[in-house]
Amino acid sequence: MRILKDNLAKTMKSFIKFKDGRWCMKPTKVDEAIDAIINTYEGEGCVGIITDDFGQVFFVIYAADINRLRKVQEYYIGVTIPHSKVDTGKKNIKEKEVVDMSDVNKPIKGDNFVILKNIGQISAPEKGWKKELNLVQWHGKEAKYDIRDWAPDYSRCGKGGAFTEEELKSLYTILKGLFESEDTDNSNVVIEKCALEDLYKKWDEISIHAPEAIRTYLKSSRVDSLPGDRAIVSLKKGFYDQLAKEENRKILTAFISNIVEKPVHVELVESSLL
């Protein structure tokens, strides 16, 4: 019988467990699992116990294709630790031994990445794949917060996005504002008109009725007036770039001009005090 992922799952079912985002195998199950592979597939494949650069130990199953071995699946066993860290009261301890760490969120290493921390699963789209937020180091560079789809064994991944801590905080602020915004239809809301110099007094209650395209970015904003029909809008960090876009600036200018019933010139300011 050829070793394929669908029939392999049945063979390995009693030896593995899915924990902390990956398939794990206890060290005590290794010998039994090897016997099961040999008895089921005979000469169609083999097993290797592989230790990576981080000391992580994997039970790796290979299928015998023409002139080569093809890696089919791997299961996390644990990590190796030096003899000096092992309880010397135990007998017959080798220089290194495998310690079961399946209950701990250990780094997951691939060819060009290391998942340093699994933060949470966002969804499970299909066929065991899952969309996750992780802290990932790509190509040995600075670790970033990463959102993308992963295969169950982390051997493959889909396209995604990576964010620095500051970018993730900005994203959080945008999403927070989006889901906390008024869930109402503003098309029929009548906004009381006022003079430009009085706009700052009513801005909090007026801004929540801004057009949907810019409403989120006006959260916790402030407006002040200056001579020459100028409106100075102070914005939270991260929102300035969005409202500075020409289309959004035009919407904001039209919104304020409509309230004060005359054309105004809108200037944007990013404030760390909001």
Protein backbone atom coordinates (compact mmCIF):
# COMPACT_ATOMS: atom_id res chain seq x y z
CA MET A 1 0.00 0.00 0.00
CA ARG A 2 1.34 3.46 -0.91
CA ILE A 3 1.76 5.96 1.91
CA LEU A 4 -0.74 8.75 1.40
CA LYS A 5 -1.97 11.34 3.88
CA ASP A 6 -5.54 10.03 3.87
CA ASN A 7 -4.66 6.41 4.73
CA LEU A 8 -1.79 7.49 7.00
CA ALA A 9 -4.23 9.29 9.29
CA LYS A 10 -5.93 5.96 10.10
CA THR A 11 -2.64 4.20 10.80
CA MET A 12 -1.39 6.93 13.14
CA LYS A 13 -4.67 7.73 14.87
CA SER A 14 -3.88 5.92 18.15
CA PHE A 15 -0.35 7.36 18.45
CA ILE A 16 -0.89 11.10 17.94
CA LYS A 17 -2.83 14.01 19.39
CA PHE A 18 -3.47 17.53 18.08
CA LYS A 19 -2.22 20.07 20.65
CA ASP A 20 -1.19 23.72 20.48
CA GLY A 21 -1.71 23.91 16.74
CA ARG A 22 0.21 20.82 15.66
CA TRP A 23 0.19 17.04 15.72
CA CYS A 24 2.20 15.60 18.62
CA MET A 25 3.43 12.15 19.60
CA LYS A 26 4.57 11.07 23.05
CA PRO A 27 8.09 9.57 23.16
CA THR A 28 6.63 6.39 24.67
CA LYS A 29 4.60 5.83 21.49
CA VAL A 30 7.52 6.04 19.03
CA ASP A 31 8.41 2.33 18.90
CA GLU A 32 4.78 1.27 18.48
CA ALA A 33 4.29 3.84 15.72
CA ILE A 34 7.37 2.58 13.84
CA ASP A 35 6.07 -1.01 14.02
CA ALA A 36 2.68 0.15 12.73
CA ILE A 37 4.27 1.89 9.71
CA ILE A 38 6.43 -1.16 8.87
CA ASN A 39 3.56 -3.64 9.23
CA THR A 40 1.09 -1.52 7.25
CA TYR A 41 3.24 -0.25 4.39
CA GLU A 42 6.11 -2.78 4.34
CA GLY A 43 8.72 -1.53 1.85
CA GLU A 44 6.73 1.46 0.62
CA GLY A 45 8.37 3.91 3.01
CA CYS A 46 10.39 4.53 6.12
CA VAL A 47 10.57 6.59 9.34
CA GLY A 48 13.20 9.04 10.54
CA ILE A 49 13.63 10.65 13.96
CA ILE A 50 14.89 14.13 13.10
CA THR A 51 16.25 16.86 15.40
CA ASP A 52 16.21 20.42 14.02
CA ASP A 53 18.48 23.37 14.83
CA PHE A 54 16.29 24.33 17.80
CA GLY A 55 16.55 20.91 19.43
CA GLN A 56 13.00 19.96 18.44
CA VAL A 57 12.55 16.25 17.70
CA PHE A 58 10.15 15.04 15.00
CA PHE A 59 8.84 11.66 13.91
CA VAL A 60 9.05 11.98 10.11
CA ILE A 61 7.40 9.56 7.66
CA TYR A 62 8.73 9.20 4.10
CA ALA A 63 7.15 7.47 1.11
CA ALA A 64 9.36 5.56 -1.35
CA ASP A 65 8.85 7.11 -4.78
CA ILE A 66 10.97 6.32 -7.81
CA ASN A 67 14.63 7.08 -7.01
CA ARG A 68 13.78 9.26 -4.01
CA LEU A 69 12.09 9.48 -0.62
CA ARG A 70 9.17 11.89 -0.36
CA LYS A 71 8.31 13.43 3.01
CA VAL A 72 4.63 12.75 3.76
CA GLN A 73 4.09 13.85 7.36
CA GLU A 74 5.86 14.76 10.57
CA TYR A 75 4.80 14.67 14.22
CA TYR A 76 6.33 16.68 17.04
CA ILE A 77 7.85 14.50 19.78
CA GLY A 78 9.63 16.94 22.09
CA VAL A 79 12.99 18.64 22.58
CA THR A 80 16.43 17.30 23.44
CA ILE A 81 18.08 18.54 26.65
CA PRO A 82 21.69 18.16 27.83
CA HIS A 83 22.49 15.50 30.39
CA SER A 84 23.39 18.22 32.93
CA LYS A 85 19.74 19.33 33.01
CA VAL A 86 18.35 15.85 33.61
CA ASP A 87 17.55 14.60 37.10
CA THR A 88 20.67 12.62 38.04
CA GLY A 89 18.61 10.43 40.37
CA LYS A 90 17.31 8.54 37.34
CA LYS A 91 19.17 5.47 36.18
CA ASN A 92 20.38 4.56 32.70
CA ILE A 93 20.07 8.10 31.33
CA LYS A 94 21.84 8.69 28.02
CA GLU A 95 23.78 11.85 27.20
CA LYS A 96 20.61 13.28 25.65
CA GLU A 97 17.02 12.18 25.99
CA VAL A 98 13.77 13.27 24.49
CA VAL A 99 11.49 15.20 26.81
CA ASP A 100 7.75 15.35 26.06
CA MET A 101 6.89 19.01 25.53
CA SER A 102 3.58 18.63 23.70
CA ASP A 103 1.77 20.68 26.34
CA VAL A 104 4.03 23.69 25.75
CA ASN A 105 3.74 26.19 22.91
CA LYS A 106 7.21 25.61 21.43
CA PRO A 107 8.61 27.30 18.30
CA ILE A 108 7.65 25.68 14.99
CA LYS A 109 10.42 25.78 12.38
CA GLY A 110 10.01 25.56 8.61
CA ASP A 111 12.40 26.01 5.70
CA ASN A 112 12.22 29.82 5.80
CA PHE A 113 10.24 30.65 8.94
CA VAL A 114 9.97 30.11 12.67
CA ILE A 115 6.61 30.51 14.42
CA LEU A 116 7.77 31.87 17.77
CA LYS A 117 4.34 32.18 19.33
CA ASN A 118 0.87 30.99 18.40
CA ILE A 119 -1.46 33.80 19.50
CA GLY A 120 -4.81 32.53 18.30
CA GLN A 121 -6.91 30.90 15.60
CA ILE A 122 -9.15 33.25 13.61
CA SER A 123 -11.00 30.64 11.57
CA ALA A 124 -10.77 27.15 10.09
CA PRO A 125 -11.63 27.62 6.40
CA GLU A 126 -11.47 24.06 5.04
CA LYS A 127 -9.77 20.66 5.04
CA GLY A 128 -8.03 21.21 8.38
CA TRP A 129 -6.34 24.44 7.32
CA LYS A 130 -6.71 27.36 9.72
CA LYS A 131 -6.28 31.10 9.67
CA GLU A 132 -4.10 32.17 12.61
CA LEU A 133 -2.47 35.17 14.21
CA ASN A 134 1.11 34.23 15.08
CA LEU A 135 4.41 35.89 15.90
CA VAL A 136 6.60 34.73 13.00
CA GLN A 137 10.21 35.25 11.98
CA TRP A 138 10.60 35.04 8.20
CA HIS A 139 13.99 34.41 6.56
CA GLY A 140 15.81 35.15 9.80
CA LYS A 141 14.56 38.76 9.89
CA GLU A 142 12.79 40.63 12.69
CA ALA A 143 9.74 38.78 13.99
CA LYS A 144 6.36 40.26 13.04
CA TYR A 145 2.72 39.58 13.83
CA ASP A 146 1.45 37.44 10.99
CA ILE A 147 -2.06 36.58 9.74
CA ARG A 148 -2.41 33.77 7.18
CA ASP A 149 -3.79 30.27 6.51
CA TRP A 150 -1.71 27.26 7.59
CA ALA A 151 -1.89 23.56 6.80
CA PRO A 152 -2.53 21.31 9.85
CA ASP A 153 1.15 20.35 10.09
CA TYR A 154 2.47 23.82 9.17
CA SER A 155 4.23 22.37 6.13
CA ARG A 156 2.40 24.82 3.82
CA CYS A 157 0.82 28.24 4.16
CA GLY A 158 -1.27 30.64 2.12
CA LYS A 159 -0.76 34.31 1.37
CA GLY A 160 -1.09 36.64 4.33
CA GLY A 161 0.10 39.83 5.93
CA ALA A 162 2.82 40.69 8.45
CA PHE A 163 2.60 43.61 10.88
CA THR A 164 4.97 45.35 13.27
CA GLU A 165 3.68 45.95 16.80
CA GLU A 166 2.86 49.59 15.94
CA GLU A 167 0.99 48.54 12.78
CA LEU A 168 -0.97 45.93 14.72
CA LYS A 169 -1.95 48.55 17.31
CA SER A 170 -3.16 50.84 14.53
CA LEU A 171 -5.16 47.97 13.03
CA TYR A 172 -6.67 47.27 16.44
CA THR A 173 -7.71 50.92 16.79
CA ILE A 174 -9.31 50.92 13.34
CA LEU A 175 -11.21 47.69 13.98
CA LYS A 176 -12.27 48.82 17.44
CA GLY A 177 -13.67 52.00 15.98
CA LEU A 178 -15.36 50.09 13.17
CA PHE A 179 -17.25 47.70 15.43
CA GLU A 180 -18.04 50.28 18.07
CA SER A 181 -19.48 52.77 15.56
CA GLU A 182 -23.19 53.43 15.58
CA ASP A 183 -25.00 50.61 13.82
CA THR A 184 -27.62 52.92 12.37
CA ASP A 185 -28.65 54.31 9.02
CA ASN A 186 -27.53 57.93 8.99
CA SER A 187 -29.18 58.78 5.69
CA ASN A 188 -32.30 60.14 7.42
CA VAL A 189 -30.56 61.83 10.36
CA VAL A 190 -31.05 65.59 10.48
CA ILE A 191 -27.90 67.28 11.82
CA GLU A 192 -28.38 70.63 13.46
CA LYS A 193 -26.55 73.43 11.68
CA CYS A 194 -24.12 75.64 13.59
CA ALA A 195 -21.49 78.31 13.08
CA LEU A 196 -17.94 77.17 12.37
CA GLU A 197 -16.66 78.75 15.59
CA ASP A 198 -19.24 76.75 17.58
CA LEU A 199 -18.59 73.43 15.86
CA TYR A 200 -16.10 72.26 18.50
CA LYS A 201 -18.87 72.30 21.15
CA LYS A 202 -21.04 69.78 19.29
CA TRP A 203 -18.38 67.84 17.38
CA ASP A 204 -18.66 64.62 19.43
CA GLU A 205 -22.37 64.24 18.71
CA ILE A 206 -22.04 65.47 15.12
CA SER A 207 -19.04 63.34 14.05
CA ILE A 208 -20.82 60.04 14.75
CA HIS A 209 -23.18 60.95 11.89
CA ALA A 210 -20.38 61.51 9.39
CA PRO A 211 -20.50 59.49 6.14
CA GLU A 212 -19.61 55.86 6.69
CA ALA A 213 -16.43 56.11 4.61
CA ILE A 214 -14.79 58.45 7.15
CA ARG A 215 -16.78 57.88 10.35
CA THR A 216 -14.34 55.40 11.86
CA TYR A 217 -11.39 57.78 11.46
CA LEU A 218 -13.18 60.59 13.33
CA LYS A 219 -13.40 58.60 16.55
CA SER A 220 -12.05 60.71 19.46
CA SER A 221 -11.17 63.53 17.02
CA ARG A 222 -11.38 67.24 17.77
CA VAL A 223 -12.20 70.23 15.58
CA ASP A 224 -11.13 73.85 16.01
CA SER A 225 -11.73 76.92 13.86
CA LEU A 226 -9.32 79.59 12.65
CA PRO A 227 -9.90 82.84 10.79
CA GLY A 228 -10.42 82.51 7.05
CA ASP A 229 -13.05 79.74 7.34
CA ARG A 230 -10.43 77.16 8.28
CA ALA A 231 -11.35 74.00 10.22
CA ILE A 232 -8.48 72.21 11.99
CA VAL A 233 -9.33 68.55 12.61
CA SER A 234 -7.05 66.79 15.13
CA LEU A 235 -6.92 62.99 14.67
CA LYS A 236 -5.71 59.99 16.61
CA LYS A 237 -2.42 58.45 15.57
CA GLY A 238 -2.97 56.04 12.70
CA PHE A 239 -6.09 57.80 11.38
CA TYR A 240 -4.34 60.78 9.80
CA ASP A 241 -3.03 58.81 6.80
CA GLN A 242 -6.52 57.52 6.03
CA LEU A 243 -8.25 60.89 6.12
CA ALA A 244 -5.36 62.55 4.27
CA LYS A 245 -6.32 60.56 1.17
CA GLU A 246 -7.81 62.96 -1.37
CA GLU A 247 -11.17 61.19 -1.63
CA ASN A 248 -11.68 61.03 2.15
CA ARG A 249 -10.53 64.62 2.63
CA LYS A 250 -13.14 65.77 0.08
CA ILE A 251 -15.86 63.85 1.93
CA LEU A 252 -14.85 65.42 5.25
CA THR A 253 -14.70 68.92 3.74
CA ALA A 254 -18.18 68.51 2.24
CA PHE A 255 -19.52 67.15 5.57
CA ILE A 256 -18.23 70.11 7.61
CA SER A 257 -19.18 72.68 4.94
CA ASN A 258 -22.73 71.34 4.96
CA ILE A 259 -22.98 71.71 8.75
CA VAL A 260 -21.72 75.30 8.88
CA GLU A 261 -23.55 76.16 5.62
CA LYS A 262 -20.55 77.67 3.86
CA PRO A 263 -17.37 76.44 2.15
CA VAL A 264 -14.51 75.73 4.53
CA HIS A 265 -10.87 74.78 4.16
CA VAL A 266 -10.09 71.63 6.19
CA GLU A 267 -6.63 71.02 7.63
CA LEU A 268 -5.66 67.75 9.30
CA VAL A 269 -3.38 67.36 12.32
CA GLU A 270 -2.15 64.11 13.93
CA SER A 271 -2.24 64.34 17.74
CA SER A 272 -0.75 61.92 20.26
CA LEU A 273 -2.90 63.46 23.00
CA LEU A 274 -6.23 62.06 21.74
